């Protein structure tokens, strides 16, 4: 059976952020699905809860696992949620995991500062969209620039989601993950804060740093990110072949 890819978006955005990856995977004949978490994208009217976020990930993973080994890919908040999910006491049916732009423990001063900055940004005229568009125009290539906002921005969900992330036990989850694991970070990503700690907690993991990129690594250099996903798929394929 062929590898199935499940993609989990970050905070404020939606499944639309994975458009370039979905197209690249489809061109290679790889089955992939990008899900929408509660409170985001077409589910923006729903409240964001960890229970429903994990249930959403689990439904997508188990459906994909019925067709083949699953590569789980999560970005930012989605990466932290997937870390907790992948490191559950009862391991979920995944064969590999890419944790992108999420090597930071969501607690303490760092999270408090992030929440304050997000609230300040949200208080700007037009909820800061003019600044968001200028930043995206300055940092993303034209063919991915619209992807992060194509499904809408979950402004009203953001603070609740950030607060709930502080209840995750990411260090314990990392120590439980036994499948192939890749940490993918942009060179200038602010969430590289605990990168070395993550590697100590999951010593079998590989760290892949993409030069000249920041937090939005999959959109800033989509071809490079696609190549890293292909590497993970090939690793899973090789492991499956060795077992048969």
Protein backbone atom coordinates (compact mmCIF):
# COMPACT_ATOMS: atom_id res chain seq x y z
CA UNK A 1 0.00 0.00 0.00
CA UNK A 2 1.23 3.51 -0.80
CA UNK A 3 2.03 6.20 1.76
CA UNK A 4 -0.87 8.51 2.66
CA UNK A 5 -0.15 12.09 3.76
CA UNK A 6 -2.22 14.01 6.32
CA UNK A 7 -1.50 17.76 6.58
CA UNK A 8 -2.45 19.85 9.63
CA UNK A 9 -2.40 23.66 9.41
CA UNK A 10 -1.23 26.29 11.90
CA UNK A 11 -3.10 28.90 13.89
CA UNK A 12 -5.36 31.47 12.15
CA UNK A 13 -4.98 29.82 8.75
CA UNK A 14 -6.67 26.72 7.30
CA UNK A 15 -6.20 23.75 4.99
CA UNK A 16 -5.65 26.29 2.20
CA UNK A 17 -2.06 26.82 3.38
CA UNK A 18 -1.15 23.39 1.97
CA UNK A 19 -2.30 24.07 -1.61
CA UNK A 20 1.22 23.91 -3.07
CA UNK A 21 2.00 20.68 -1.22
CA UNK A 22 -1.28 19.05 -2.26
CA UNK A 23 -0.58 19.90 -5.89
CA UNK A 24 2.99 18.61 -5.68
CA UNK A 25 1.89 15.36 -4.04
CA UNK A 26 -0.93 14.85 -6.54
CA UNK A 27 1.53 15.30 -9.41
CA UNK A 28 3.56 12.41 -7.97
CA UNK A 29 0.51 10.21 -7.48
CA UNK A 30 0.63 10.46 -3.68
CA UNK A 31 -2.72 10.53 -1.85
CA UNK A 32 -2.94 13.44 0.59
CA UNK A 33 -5.56 15.28 2.64
CA UNK A 34 -5.37 18.68 4.33
CA UNK A 35 -7.82 18.99 7.21
CA UNK A 36 -9.44 22.02 8.85
CA UNK A 37 -9.25 22.26 12.62
CA UNK A 38 -12.25 23.52 14.64
CA UNK A 39 -12.55 27.30 14.64
CA UNK A 40 -10.62 27.59 11.37
CA UNK A 41 -11.45 27.80 7.66
CA UNK A 42 -14.98 26.53 6.87
CA UNK A 43 -15.30 25.54 10.56
CA UNK A 44 -14.67 29.08 11.84
CA UNK A 45 -18.06 29.28 13.56
CA UNK A 46 -17.20 26.28 15.75
CA UNK A 47 -15.46 26.72 19.11
CA UNK A 48 -11.86 25.57 19.24
CA UNK A 49 -11.31 22.77 21.75
CA UNK A 50 -8.40 20.40 22.13
CA UNK A 51 -10.79 17.46 22.25
CA UNK A 52 -12.24 18.26 18.84
CA UNK A 53 -8.86 19.22 17.40
CA UNK A 54 -7.43 15.81 18.35
CA UNK A 55 -10.60 14.07 17.16
CA UNK A 56 -10.29 15.82 13.79
CA UNK A 57 -6.68 14.72 13.40
CA UNK A 58 -7.52 11.19 14.51
CA UNK A 59 -10.41 10.82 12.06
CA UNK A 60 -8.21 11.90 9.16
CA UNK A 61 -5.32 9.65 10.23
CA UNK A 62 -7.46 6.55 10.74
CA UNK A 63 -9.25 7.06 7.44
CA UNK A 64 -5.89 7.42 5.65
CA UNK A 65 -4.43 4.43 7.52
CA UNK A 66 -7.11 2.22 5.99
CA UNK A 67 -5.39 2.80 2.64
CA UNK A 68 -1.70 2.74 3.59
CA UNK A 69 1.01 3.89 6.02
CA UNK A 70 0.44 7.49 7.15
CA UNK A 71 2.89 10.39 7.09
CA UNK A 72 1.53 13.06 9.45
CA UNK A 73 2.67 16.64 8.73
CA UNK A 74 1.87 19.51 11.11
CA UNK A 75 2.85 23.18 10.96
CA UNK A 76 3.20 25.52 13.95
CA UNK A 77 0.14 25.02 16.20
CA UNK A 78 -0.78 22.03 14.04
CA UNK A 79 2.70 20.66 14.62
CA UNK A 80 2.36 20.98 18.40
CA UNK A 81 -1.05 19.31 18.34
CA UNK A 82 0.34 16.52 16.16
CA UNK A 83 3.29 16.09 18.53
CA UNK A 84 0.90 15.52 21.42
CA UNK A 85 -1.18 13.20 19.22
CA UNK A 86 1.80 11.22 17.90
CA UNK A 87 3.18 10.83 21.43
CA UNK A 88 0.00 9.53 23.04
CA UNK A 89 0.26 6.65 25.51
CA UNK A 90 -1.50 4.48 22.95
CA UNK A 91 0.36 5.23 19.71
CA UNK A 92 -1.84 6.29 16.79
CA UNK A 93 -1.56 4.53 13.40
CA UNK A 94 1.11 6.74 11.85
CA UNK A 95 4.32 5.62 10.15
CA UNK A 96 6.18 8.94 10.23
CA UNK A 97 5.80 12.54 11.40
CA UNK A 98 7.08 15.91 10.14
CA UNK A 99 6.87 18.59 12.83
CA UNK A 100 7.34 21.89 11.01
CA UNK A 101 7.99 25.27 12.64
CA UNK A 102 7.02 24.09 16.13
CA UNK A 103 10.16 23.41 18.20
CA UNK A 104 9.07 25.59 21.13
CA UNK A 105 7.38 24.60 24.38
CA UNK A 106 4.09 26.58 24.43
CA UNK A 107 4.37 27.85 28.00
CA UNK A 108 5.75 30.63 30.16
CA UNK A 109 7.02 34.05 29.14
CA UNK A 110 7.35 33.14 25.47
CA UNK A 111 3.69 32.16 25.12
CA UNK A 112 2.50 35.13 27.20
CA UNK A 113 4.48 37.52 25.02
CA UNK A 114 3.15 35.90 21.86
CA UNK A 115 -0.43 36.23 23.10
CA UNK A 116 0.08 39.91 23.96
CA UNK A 117 1.58 40.61 20.55
CA UNK A 118 -1.28 38.77 18.84
CA UNK A 119 -3.86 40.78 20.80
CA UNK A 120 -2.10 44.03 19.93
CA UNK A 121 -1.96 43.07 16.27
CA UNK A 122 -5.65 42.14 16.34
CA UNK A 123 -6.51 45.54 17.82
CA UNK A 124 -5.09 47.38 14.80
CA UNK A 125 -7.45 48.84 12.17
CA UNK A 126 -8.83 46.08 9.94
CA UNK A 127 -7.37 43.67 12.52
CA UNK A 128 -3.93 44.30 11.06
CA UNK A 129 -4.74 42.85 7.66
CA UNK A 130 -2.97 45.68 5.84
CA UNK A 131 0.24 44.76 7.67
CA UNK A 132 -0.32 41.03 7.14
CA UNK A 133 -0.64 41.56 3.40
CA UNK A 134 2.51 43.68 3.26
CA UNK A 135 4.51 41.07 5.17
CA UNK A 136 3.25 38.25 2.95
CA UNK A 137 4.01 40.29 -0.17
CA UNK A 138 7.56 40.89 1.07
CA UNK A 139 8.32 37.32 2.12
CA UNK A 140 6.33 34.83 0.03
CA UNK A 141 6.62 34.02 -3.68
CA UNK A 142 3.64 35.13 -5.72
CA UNK A 143 2.34 31.61 -6.38
CA UNK A 144 1.88 30.83 -2.66
CA UNK A 145 1.14 34.33 -1.33
CA UNK A 146 -2.62 33.94 -1.20
CA UNK A 147 -2.70 30.45 0.26
CA UNK A 148 -2.55 31.32 3.95
CA UNK A 149 -5.60 33.57 3.77
CA UNK A 150 -7.60 31.73 1.12
CA UNK A 151 -9.70 29.98 3.76
CA UNK A 152 -10.06 33.11 5.91
CA UNK A 153 -8.25 34.12 9.09
CA UNK A 154 -9.46 32.72 12.42
CA UNK A 155 -9.00 35.92 14.43
CA UNK A 156 -11.57 35.04 17.08
CA UNK A 157 -10.08 31.60 17.69
CA UNK A 158 -6.47 32.64 18.09
CA UNK A 159 -6.25 33.61 21.77
CA UNK A 160 -8.31 30.65 22.97
CA UNK A 161 -6.15 28.27 20.93
CA UNK A 162 -2.91 29.79 22.24
CA UNK A 163 -4.11 29.47 25.83
CA UNK A 164 -5.10 25.83 25.33
CA UNK A 165 -1.70 25.01 23.82
CA UNK A 166 -0.17 25.78 27.22
CA UNK A 167 -1.90 22.68 28.63
CA UNK A 168 -0.09 20.30 26.27
CA UNK A 169 2.65 18.07 27.65
CA UNK A 170 4.94 18.29 24.65
CA UNK A 171 8.14 17.02 26.40
CA UNK A 172 6.46 13.80 27.50
CA UNK A 173 4.89 13.29 24.10
CA UNK A 174 8.23 13.73 22.32
CA UNK A 175 9.81 10.98 24.42
CA UNK A 176 7.07 8.54 23.42
CA UNK A 177 7.31 9.00 19.64
CA UNK A 178 8.93 5.95 18.04
CA UNK A 179 8.18 6.48 14.34
CA UNK A 180 10.59 8.33 12.03
CA UNK A 181 10.46 11.98 13.05
CA UNK A 182 11.68 15.12 11.31
CA UNK A 183 11.82 18.64 12.75
CA UNK A 184 11.68 21.11 9.84
CA UNK A 185 12.44 24.74 10.66
CA UNK A 186 13.11 27.90 8.73
CA UNK A 187 16.51 29.42 9.42
CA UNK A 188 14.96 32.58 10.91
CA UNK A 189 11.93 30.98 12.59
CA UNK A 190 11.23 32.41 16.05
CA UNK A 191 9.90 29.02 17.15
CA UNK A 192 13.36 27.44 17.01
CA UNK A 193 13.56 28.47 20.66
CA UNK A 194 13.69 24.92 22.12
CA UNK A 195 15.15 23.15 19.09
CA UNK A 196 18.00 21.50 21.02
CA UNK A 197 15.68 20.39 23.81
CA UNK A 198 13.38 18.72 21.26
CA UNK A 199 16.37 16.82 19.83
CA UNK A 200 17.42 15.65 23.29
CA UNK A 201 13.90 14.46 24.06
CA UNK A 202 13.59 12.66 20.70
CA UNK A 203 17.18 11.61 19.90
CA UNK A 204 16.14 9.55 16.87
CA UNK A 205 14.67 12.63 15.18
CA UNK A 206 16.35 14.51 12.34
CA UNK A 207 16.56 18.31 12.29
CA UNK A 208 16.25 19.89 8.83
CA UNK A 209 16.77 23.67 8.67
CA UNK A 210 15.73 25.42 5.47
CA UNK A 211 17.99 28.41 4.70
CA UNK A 212 16.61 31.88 4.02
CA UNK A 213 13.17 31.12 5.42
CA UNK A 214 11.20 32.11 8.50
CA UNK A 215 8.13 30.62 10.16
CA UNK A 216 6.13 30.09 6.95
CA UNK A 217 8.67 27.61 5.62
CA UNK A 218 6.27 25.55 3.49
CA UNK A 219 5.12 28.65 1.59
CA UNK A 220 8.40 30.57 1.45
CA UNK A 221 10.28 27.73 -0.26
CA UNK A 222 7.60 25.21 -1.22
CA UNK A 223 9.85 23.22 -3.56
CA UNK A 224 12.32 22.60 -0.73
CA UNK A 225 9.55 21.64 1.68
CA UNK A 226 8.07 19.33 -0.95
CA UNK A 227 11.47 17.63 -1.29
CA UNK A 228 11.60 17.06 2.46
CA UNK A 229 8.12 15.52 2.38
CA UNK A 230 9.33 13.28 -0.47
CA UNK A 231 12.31 12.26 1.69
CA UNK A 232 9.97 11.26 4.51
CA UNK A 233 7.76 9.29 2.12
CA UNK A 234 10.80 7.45 0.72
CA UNK A 235 11.96 6.62 4.26
CA UNK A 236 8.56 5.18 5.15
CA UNK A 237 8.44 3.24 1.87
CA UNK A 238 11.88 1.76 2.59
CA UNK A 239 10.81 0.75 6.07
CA UNK A 240 7.65 -0.87 4.79
CA UNK A 241 9.63 -2.79 2.13
CA UNK A 242 12.10 -4.03 4.74
CA UNK A 243 9.24 -5.46 6.80
CA UNK A 244 7.67 -7.39 3.91
